[in-house]
Amino acid sequence: MFRINISTSDRAQVLTQALPYIKQYSGKTVVIKYGGNAMVSDDLKSAVMEDIVLLSTVGIKVVLVHGGGPEINDVLAKIGKEPKFIGGLRYTDEETMDVVQMVLAGKVNKGLVQRLEQHGGQAIGLCGLDGGMIKAVKMKGEHDLGLVGDITSIDVTLIRNCLDNGTIPVIATVAAGENDGVYNINADIAAAQIASSLSAEKLVLMTDVRGLLRDKDNENSLISIVNVSDVPSLKRKGVIKGGMIPKIDCCVEAVRRGVKRTHIIDGRIEHSILIEMLTDEGIGTMFL
């Protein structure tokens, strides 16, 4: 984790710099996908909750979409089940799906609601089953991933109702399937499609890297701004590869569907959300 220590005069300067951005985003919707180390460290958890409550307090409508991989793995270990991943995605059989639903929509989701409330926010925990929010079918592809789903529709009525009432919706990404089935949905994909359906001003994906690096071994090679039309070229050059491909594809798809800006930011840095949204410098990589 990285800490940023600033003086009192610097704090005043930060607040002055933030004011135009607060005015710009007030009343607008921002979707934040929360995962990675930021969900593991207590200090980082507190910083994320403080950022979200502050944004909500100044009139920005925040939707929090979350994962919970480490917590799912912990419960699987307790029942003696080995997690299985194919191409970076969790293979989800029926027993694993029971754990995913219990942990994501239960323990993790309600824990985040409690933390937001402890920091002065007003939040409500939801999952894709509530109000028919997320519907899906079994994912088709080269590999059989079990009960992993492709989203077929998003209904944001319940999310809008929460936002209009000044409440922060906290969303676990399990979806309704056919015949009472339930599917595990990748949280990045769900966040991108929710952001598109809400015509959000921003989509922010929190990760465990600084953003898109020109050289993956050089933290100082961050690419701050990427036009979505340049993404195919960056893939051909090998700049975008591996685990960054699906995240960036989500960002590109969200922009093409009407989200004004999408961002990949480093969740290991305290208050990275505020640095991205309320400062001139920003942080991470922005897609537009």
Protein backbone atom coordinates (compact mmCIF):
# COMPACT_ATOMS: atom_id res chain seq x y z
CA MET A 1 0.00 0.00 0.00
CA PHE A 2 1.19 3.54 -0.80
CA ARG A 3 0.50 6.50 1.47
CA ILE A 4 0.46 10.16 0.46
CA ASN A 5 1.37 12.61 3.23
CA ILE A 6 0.55 16.27 2.57
CA SER A 7 0.80 19.44 4.63
CA THR A 8 -2.12 21.60 5.79
CA SER A 9 -1.47 24.19 3.07
CA ASP A 10 -1.36 21.42 0.47
CA ARG A 11 -4.68 20.11 1.78
CA ALA A 12 -6.22 23.56 1.27
CA GLN A 13 -4.84 23.60 -2.28
CA VAL A 14 -6.32 20.16 -2.92
CA LEU A 15 -9.76 21.32 -1.76
CA THR A 16 -9.55 24.41 -3.97
CA GLN A 17 -8.58 22.25 -6.94
CA ALA A 18 -11.41 19.81 -6.20
CA LEU A 19 -14.21 22.40 -6.26
CA PRO A 20 -14.57 22.66 -10.08
CA TYR A 21 -14.71 18.87 -10.35
CA ILE A 22 -17.32 18.64 -7.59
CA LYS A 23 -19.45 21.14 -9.52
CA GLN A 24 -18.85 19.24 -12.77
CA TYR A 25 -19.88 15.85 -11.39
CA SER A 26 -22.63 16.90 -8.99
CA GLY A 27 -25.83 15.09 -9.99
CA LYS A 28 -23.94 12.80 -12.36
CA THR A 29 -23.59 9.02 -11.98
CA VAL A 30 -20.28 7.25 -11.39
CA VAL A 31 -19.96 3.44 -11.34
CA ILE A 32 -17.03 2.07 -9.33
CA LYS A 33 -15.92 -1.55 -9.61
CA TYR A 34 -14.25 -2.52 -6.34
CA GLY A 35 -11.89 -5.47 -6.07
CA GLY A 36 -8.31 -6.62 -5.64
CA ASN A 37 -6.06 -5.62 -2.74
CA ALA A 38 -8.33 -2.69 -1.94
CA MET A 39 -10.82 -5.27 -0.64
CA VAL A 40 -8.25 -7.11 1.49
CA SER A 41 -6.45 -4.36 3.45
CA ASP A 42 -8.49 -2.74 6.24
CA ASP A 43 -6.78 0.63 5.72
CA LEU A 44 -7.53 0.56 2.00
CA LYS A 45 -11.12 -0.54 2.65
CA SER A 46 -11.63 2.44 4.93
CA ALA A 47 -10.10 4.82 2.38
CA VAL A 48 -12.40 3.51 -0.38
CA MET A 49 -15.49 3.82 1.82
CA GLU A 50 -14.49 7.36 2.85
CA ASP A 51 -14.02 8.34 -0.81
CA ILE A 52 -17.40 6.95 -1.82
CA VAL A 53 -19.24 8.61 1.07
CA LEU A 54 -17.55 11.94 0.34
CA LEU A 55 -18.55 11.77 -3.34
CA SER A 56 -22.11 10.92 -2.35
CA THR A 57 -22.20 13.75 0.21
CA VAL A 58 -21.26 16.37 -2.42
CA GLY A 59 -24.07 15.19 -4.72
CA ILE A 60 -22.35 12.65 -6.96
CA LYS A 61 -24.42 9.50 -7.54
CA VAL A 62 -22.17 6.52 -6.82
CA VAL A 63 -22.92 2.91 -7.72
CA LEU A 64 -20.55 0.37 -6.14
CA VAL A 65 -20.14 -2.96 -7.97
CA HIS A 66 -17.93 -5.46 -6.19
CA GLY A 67 -16.14 -8.76 -6.52
CA GLY A 68 -14.99 -11.00 -3.70
CA GLY A 69 -12.60 -13.63 -5.03
CA PRO A 70 -10.41 -13.99 -1.91
CA GLU A 71 -13.43 -14.42 0.36
CA ILE A 72 -14.90 -17.05 -2.00
CA ASN A 73 -11.59 -18.92 -1.99
CA ASP A 74 -11.48 -18.82 1.82
CA VAL A 75 -14.91 -20.46 2.12
CA LEU A 76 -14.09 -23.04 -0.56
CA ALA A 77 -10.94 -23.93 1.40
CA LYS A 78 -13.00 -24.40 4.57
CA ILE A 79 -15.21 -26.95 2.82
CA GLY A 80 -12.20 -28.65 1.25
CA LYS A 81 -12.86 -27.56 -2.33
CA GLU A 82 -10.03 -26.43 -4.60
CA PRO A 83 -10.78 -23.27 -6.67
CA LYS A 84 -10.46 -23.85 -10.42
CA PHE A 85 -9.70 -21.17 -12.99
CA ILE A 86 -9.71 -21.37 -16.78
CA GLY A 87 -8.32 -18.44 -18.74
CA GLY A 88 -8.46 -16.23 -15.66
CA LEU A 89 -12.15 -16.94 -15.02
CA ARG A 90 -13.50 -19.03 -12.14
CA TYR A 91 -14.96 -22.40 -13.13
CA THR A 92 -18.27 -22.47 -11.29
CA ASP A 93 -20.00 -25.77 -10.65
CA GLU A 94 -23.21 -25.98 -8.60
CA GLU A 95 -21.43 -26.26 -5.25
CA THR A 96 -19.15 -23.33 -6.08
CA MET A 97 -22.15 -21.30 -7.25
CA ASP A 98 -23.80 -21.83 -3.86
CA VAL A 99 -20.66 -20.45 -2.21
CA VAL A 100 -20.41 -17.54 -4.67
CA GLN A 101 -24.01 -16.53 -4.03
CA MET A 102 -23.68 -16.91 -0.26
CA VAL A 103 -20.40 -14.99 -0.01
CA LEU A 104 -20.94 -12.26 -2.62
CA ALA A 105 -24.61 -11.47 -2.04
CA GLY A 106 -24.31 -12.17 1.69
CA LYS A 107 -21.14 -11.64 3.69
CA VAL A 108 -19.19 -9.36 1.31
CA ASN A 109 -22.16 -7.30 0.14
CA LYS A 110 -23.60 -6.63 3.58
CA GLY A 111 -20.13 -6.03 5.00
CA LEU A 112 -19.58 -3.22 2.48
CA VAL A 113 -22.97 -1.72 3.30
CA GLN A 114 -22.07 -1.75 6.99
CA ARG A 115 -18.72 -0.06 6.34
CA LEU A 116 -20.33 2.67 4.24
CA GLU A 117 -22.87 3.29 6.99
CA GLN A 118 -20.07 3.45 9.58
CA HIS A 119 -18.43 6.21 7.53
CA GLY A 120 -21.64 8.24 7.41
CA GLY A 121 -23.10 7.00 4.15
CA GLN A 122 -26.54 5.64 3.35
CA ALA A 123 -26.25 2.37 1.44
CA ILE A 124 -28.27 -0.67 0.46
CA GLY A 125 -27.01 -4.10 -0.61
CA LEU A 126 -28.36 -5.59 -3.83
CA CYS A 127 -27.51 -8.39 -6.23
CA GLY A 128 -28.40 -9.07 -9.83
CA LEU A 129 -31.39 -11.17 -8.74
CA ASP A 130 -33.12 -8.20 -7.09
CA GLY A 131 -35.76 -6.55 -9.25
CA GLY A 132 -34.65 -8.64 -12.24
CA MET A 133 -31.59 -6.40 -12.40
CA ILE A 134 -29.20 -8.74 -14.24
CA LYS A 135 -30.33 -11.61 -16.46
CA ALA A 136 -27.93 -14.01 -18.11
CA VAL A 137 -27.46 -17.20 -20.08
CA LYS A 138 -24.66 -19.74 -19.84
CA MET A 139 -21.45 -18.33 -21.26
CA LYS A 140 -20.47 -19.87 -24.60
CA GLY A 141 -16.84 -20.09 -25.57
CA GLU A 142 -13.82 -22.24 -26.14
CA HIS A 143 -13.95 -23.58 -22.58
CA ASP A 144 -16.88 -24.72 -20.45
CA LEU A 145 -16.86 -22.53 -17.32
CA GLY A 146 -19.91 -24.12 -15.73
CA LEU A 147 -22.38 -21.64 -14.23
CA VAL A 148 -20.60 -18.53 -15.51
CA GLY A 149 -23.00 -16.31 -17.41
CA ASP A 150 -23.16 -13.86 -20.29
CA ILE A 151 -25.43 -10.91 -19.53
CA THR A 152 -28.52 -10.71 -21.71
CA SER A 153 -30.23 -7.73 -20.08
CA ILE A 154 -29.78 -5.08 -17.38
CA ASP A 155 -32.72 -3.38 -15.67
CA VAL A 156 -31.49 -0.33 -13.74
CA THR A 157 -34.89 0.70 -12.33
CA LEU A 158 -33.99 -0.37 -8.80
CA ILE A 159 -30.55 1.27 -9.04
CA ARG A 160 -32.08 4.57 -10.20
CA ASN A 161 -34.60 4.47 -7.35
CA CYS A 162 -31.76 4.13 -4.86
CA LEU A 163 -29.75 6.95 -6.41
CA ASP A 164 -32.79 9.27 -6.54
CA ASN A 165 -33.25 8.66 -2.80
CA GLY A 166 -29.63 9.54 -2.02
CA THR A 167 -28.73 5.90 -1.31
CA ILE A 168 -25.55 4.19 -2.52
CA PRO A 169 -26.43 0.86 -4.22
CA VAL A 170 -23.87 -1.86 -3.49
CA ILE A 171 -24.20 -4.59 -6.11
CA ALA A 172 -23.07 -8.23 -6.04
CA THR A 173 -22.76 -9.68 -9.53
CA VAL A 174 -24.84 -12.84 -9.53
CA ALA A 175 -27.51 -13.01 -12.21
CA ALA A 176 -30.83 -14.70 -12.84
CA GLY A 177 -30.86 -17.46 -15.44
CA GLU A 178 -33.49 -19.67 -16.96
CA ASN A 179 -35.64 -22.00 -14.82
CA ASP A 180 -34.61 -20.47 -11.48
CA GLY A 181 -30.92 -20.84 -12.38
CA VAL A 182 -28.26 -18.47 -11.05
CA TYR A 183 -25.06 -17.44 -12.82
CA ASN A 184 -21.73 -16.05 -11.68
CA ILE A 185 -20.92 -12.85 -13.60
CA ASN A 186 -17.51 -11.23 -14.00
CA ALA A 187 -17.66 -8.02 -11.94
CA ASP A 188 -15.77 -5.90 -14.51
CA ILE A 189 -18.22 -6.89 -17.23
CA ALA A 190 -21.23 -6.28 -14.99
CA ALA A 191 -19.93 -2.86 -13.91
CA ALA A 192 -19.35 -1.84 -17.53
CA GLN A 193 -22.83 -2.85 -18.62
CA ILE A 194 -24.47 -1.23 -15.59
CA ALA A 195 -22.55 1.98 -16.33
CA SER A 196 -23.70 1.88 -19.96
CA SER A 197 -27.33 1.25 -18.98
CA LEU A 198 -27.20 4.22 -16.57
CA SER A 199 -25.47 6.48 -19.16
CA ALA A 200 -22.91 7.08 -16.42
CA GLU A 201 -20.44 9.94 -16.52
CA LYS A 202 -17.62 7.63 -15.42
CA LEU A 203 -16.75 3.97 -14.94
CA VAL A 204 -13.83 3.36 -12.59
CA LEU A 205 -12.20 -0.09 -12.35
CA MET A 206 -9.99 -0.51 -9.28
CA THR A 207 -7.10 -2.92 -9.87
CA ASP A 208 -3.75 -3.97 -8.40
CA VAL A 209 -1.66 -2.19 -11.04
CA ARG A 210 -1.04 1.51 -11.81
CA GLY A 211 -3.01 1.28 -15.04
CA LEU A 212 -1.95 0.40 -18.58
CA LEU A 213 1.84 0.26 -18.72
CA ARG A 214 3.79 0.56 -21.97
CA ASP A 215 6.32 -1.78 -20.32
CA LYS A 216 4.74 -4.11 -17.76
CA ASP A 217 8.01 -4.25 -15.80
CA ASN A 218 8.35 -0.47 -15.57
CA GLU A 219 5.91 1.25 -13.20
CA ASN A 220 6.95 4.62 -14.68
CA SER A 221 5.74 3.69 -18.18
CA LEU A 222 2.09 4.45 -17.39
CA ILE A 223 -0.05 5.50 -20.34
CA SER A 224 -2.34 8.15 -18.87
CA ILE A 225 -4.80 8.60 -21.75
CA VAL A 226 -5.90 6.12 -24.40
CA ASN A 227 -8.31 6.76 -27.24
CA VAL A 228 -10.44 3.67 -27.74
CA SER A 229 -9.57 3.68 -31.46
CA ASP A 230 -5.93 3.04 -30.51
CA VAL A 231 -6.69 -0.12 -28.52
CA PRO A 232 -6.44 -2.61 -31.44
CA SER A 233 -2.98 -1.24 -32.31
CA LEU A 234 -1.83 -1.49 -28.68
CA LYS A 235 -2.98 -5.11 -28.62
CA ARG A 236 -1.05 -5.91 -31.80
CA LYS A 237 2.08 -4.34 -30.30
CA GLY A 238 1.70 -6.44 -27.15
CA VAL A 239 1.21 -3.42 -24.88
CA ILE A 240 -2.25 -4.69 -23.98
CA LYS A 241 -2.05 -8.38 -23.16
CA GLY A 242 -2.87 -11.04 -20.58
CA GLY A 243 -5.19 -10.07 -17.77
CA MET A 244 -5.43 -6.46 -18.97
CA ILE A 245 -7.26 -7.45 -22.16
CA PRO A 246 -10.68 -8.19 -20.59
CA LYS A 247 -10.50 -5.12 -18.33
CA ILE A 248 -9.65 -2.81 -21.20
CA ASP A 249 -12.28 -4.45 -23.42
CA CYS A 250 -14.82 -3.56 -20.70
CA CYS A 251 -13.62 0.06 -20.71
CA VAL A 252 -13.78 0.28 -24.50
CA GLU A 253 -17.26 -1.25 -24.67
CA ALA A 254 -18.55 1.13 -21.99
CA VAL A 255 -17.22 4.19 -23.87
CA ARG A 256 -18.72 2.97 -27.12
CA ARG A 257 -22.06 2.53 -25.35
CA GLY A 258 -22.12 6.10 -24.09
CA VAL A 259 -20.11 6.29 -20.86
CA LYS A 260 -18.16 9.57 -21.06
CA ARG A 261 -14.91 8.36 -19.49
CA THR A 262 -13.63 5.05 -18.17
CA HIS A 263 -10.63 4.60 -15.90
CA ILE A 264 -8.36 1.84 -14.63
CA ILE A 265 -6.82 3.00 -11.35
CA ASP A 266 -4.49 1.57 -8.72
CA GLY A 267 -6.55 0.42 -5.75
CA ARG A 268 -3.35 -0.03 -3.71
CA ILE A 269 -3.07 3.74 -3.33
CA GLU A 270 -5.13 5.27 -0.53
CA HIS A 271 -7.87 7.61 -1.78
CA SER A 272 -7.12 6.76 -5.41
CA ILE A 273 -10.77 7.44 -6.29
CA LEU A 274 -10.60 11.02 -5.04
CA ILE A 275 -7.22 11.57 -6.72
CA GLU A 276 -8.69 10.40 -10.02
CA MET A 277 -11.95 12.33 -9.83
CA LEU A 278 -11.11 15.55 -8.00
CA THR A 279 -7.58 16.52 -9.05
CA ASP A 280 -6.04 17.90 -12.24
CA GLU A 281 -3.38 15.18 -12.38
CA GLY A 282 -5.65 12.17 -11.93
CA ILE A 283 -4.23 8.69 -11.58
CA GLY A 284 -4.17 5.53 -13.68
CA THR A 285 -5.29 5.25 -17.32
CA MET A 286 -8.30 7.04 -18.80
CA PHE A 287 -10.13 5.76 -21.91
CA LEU A 288 -12.12 8.18 -24.05
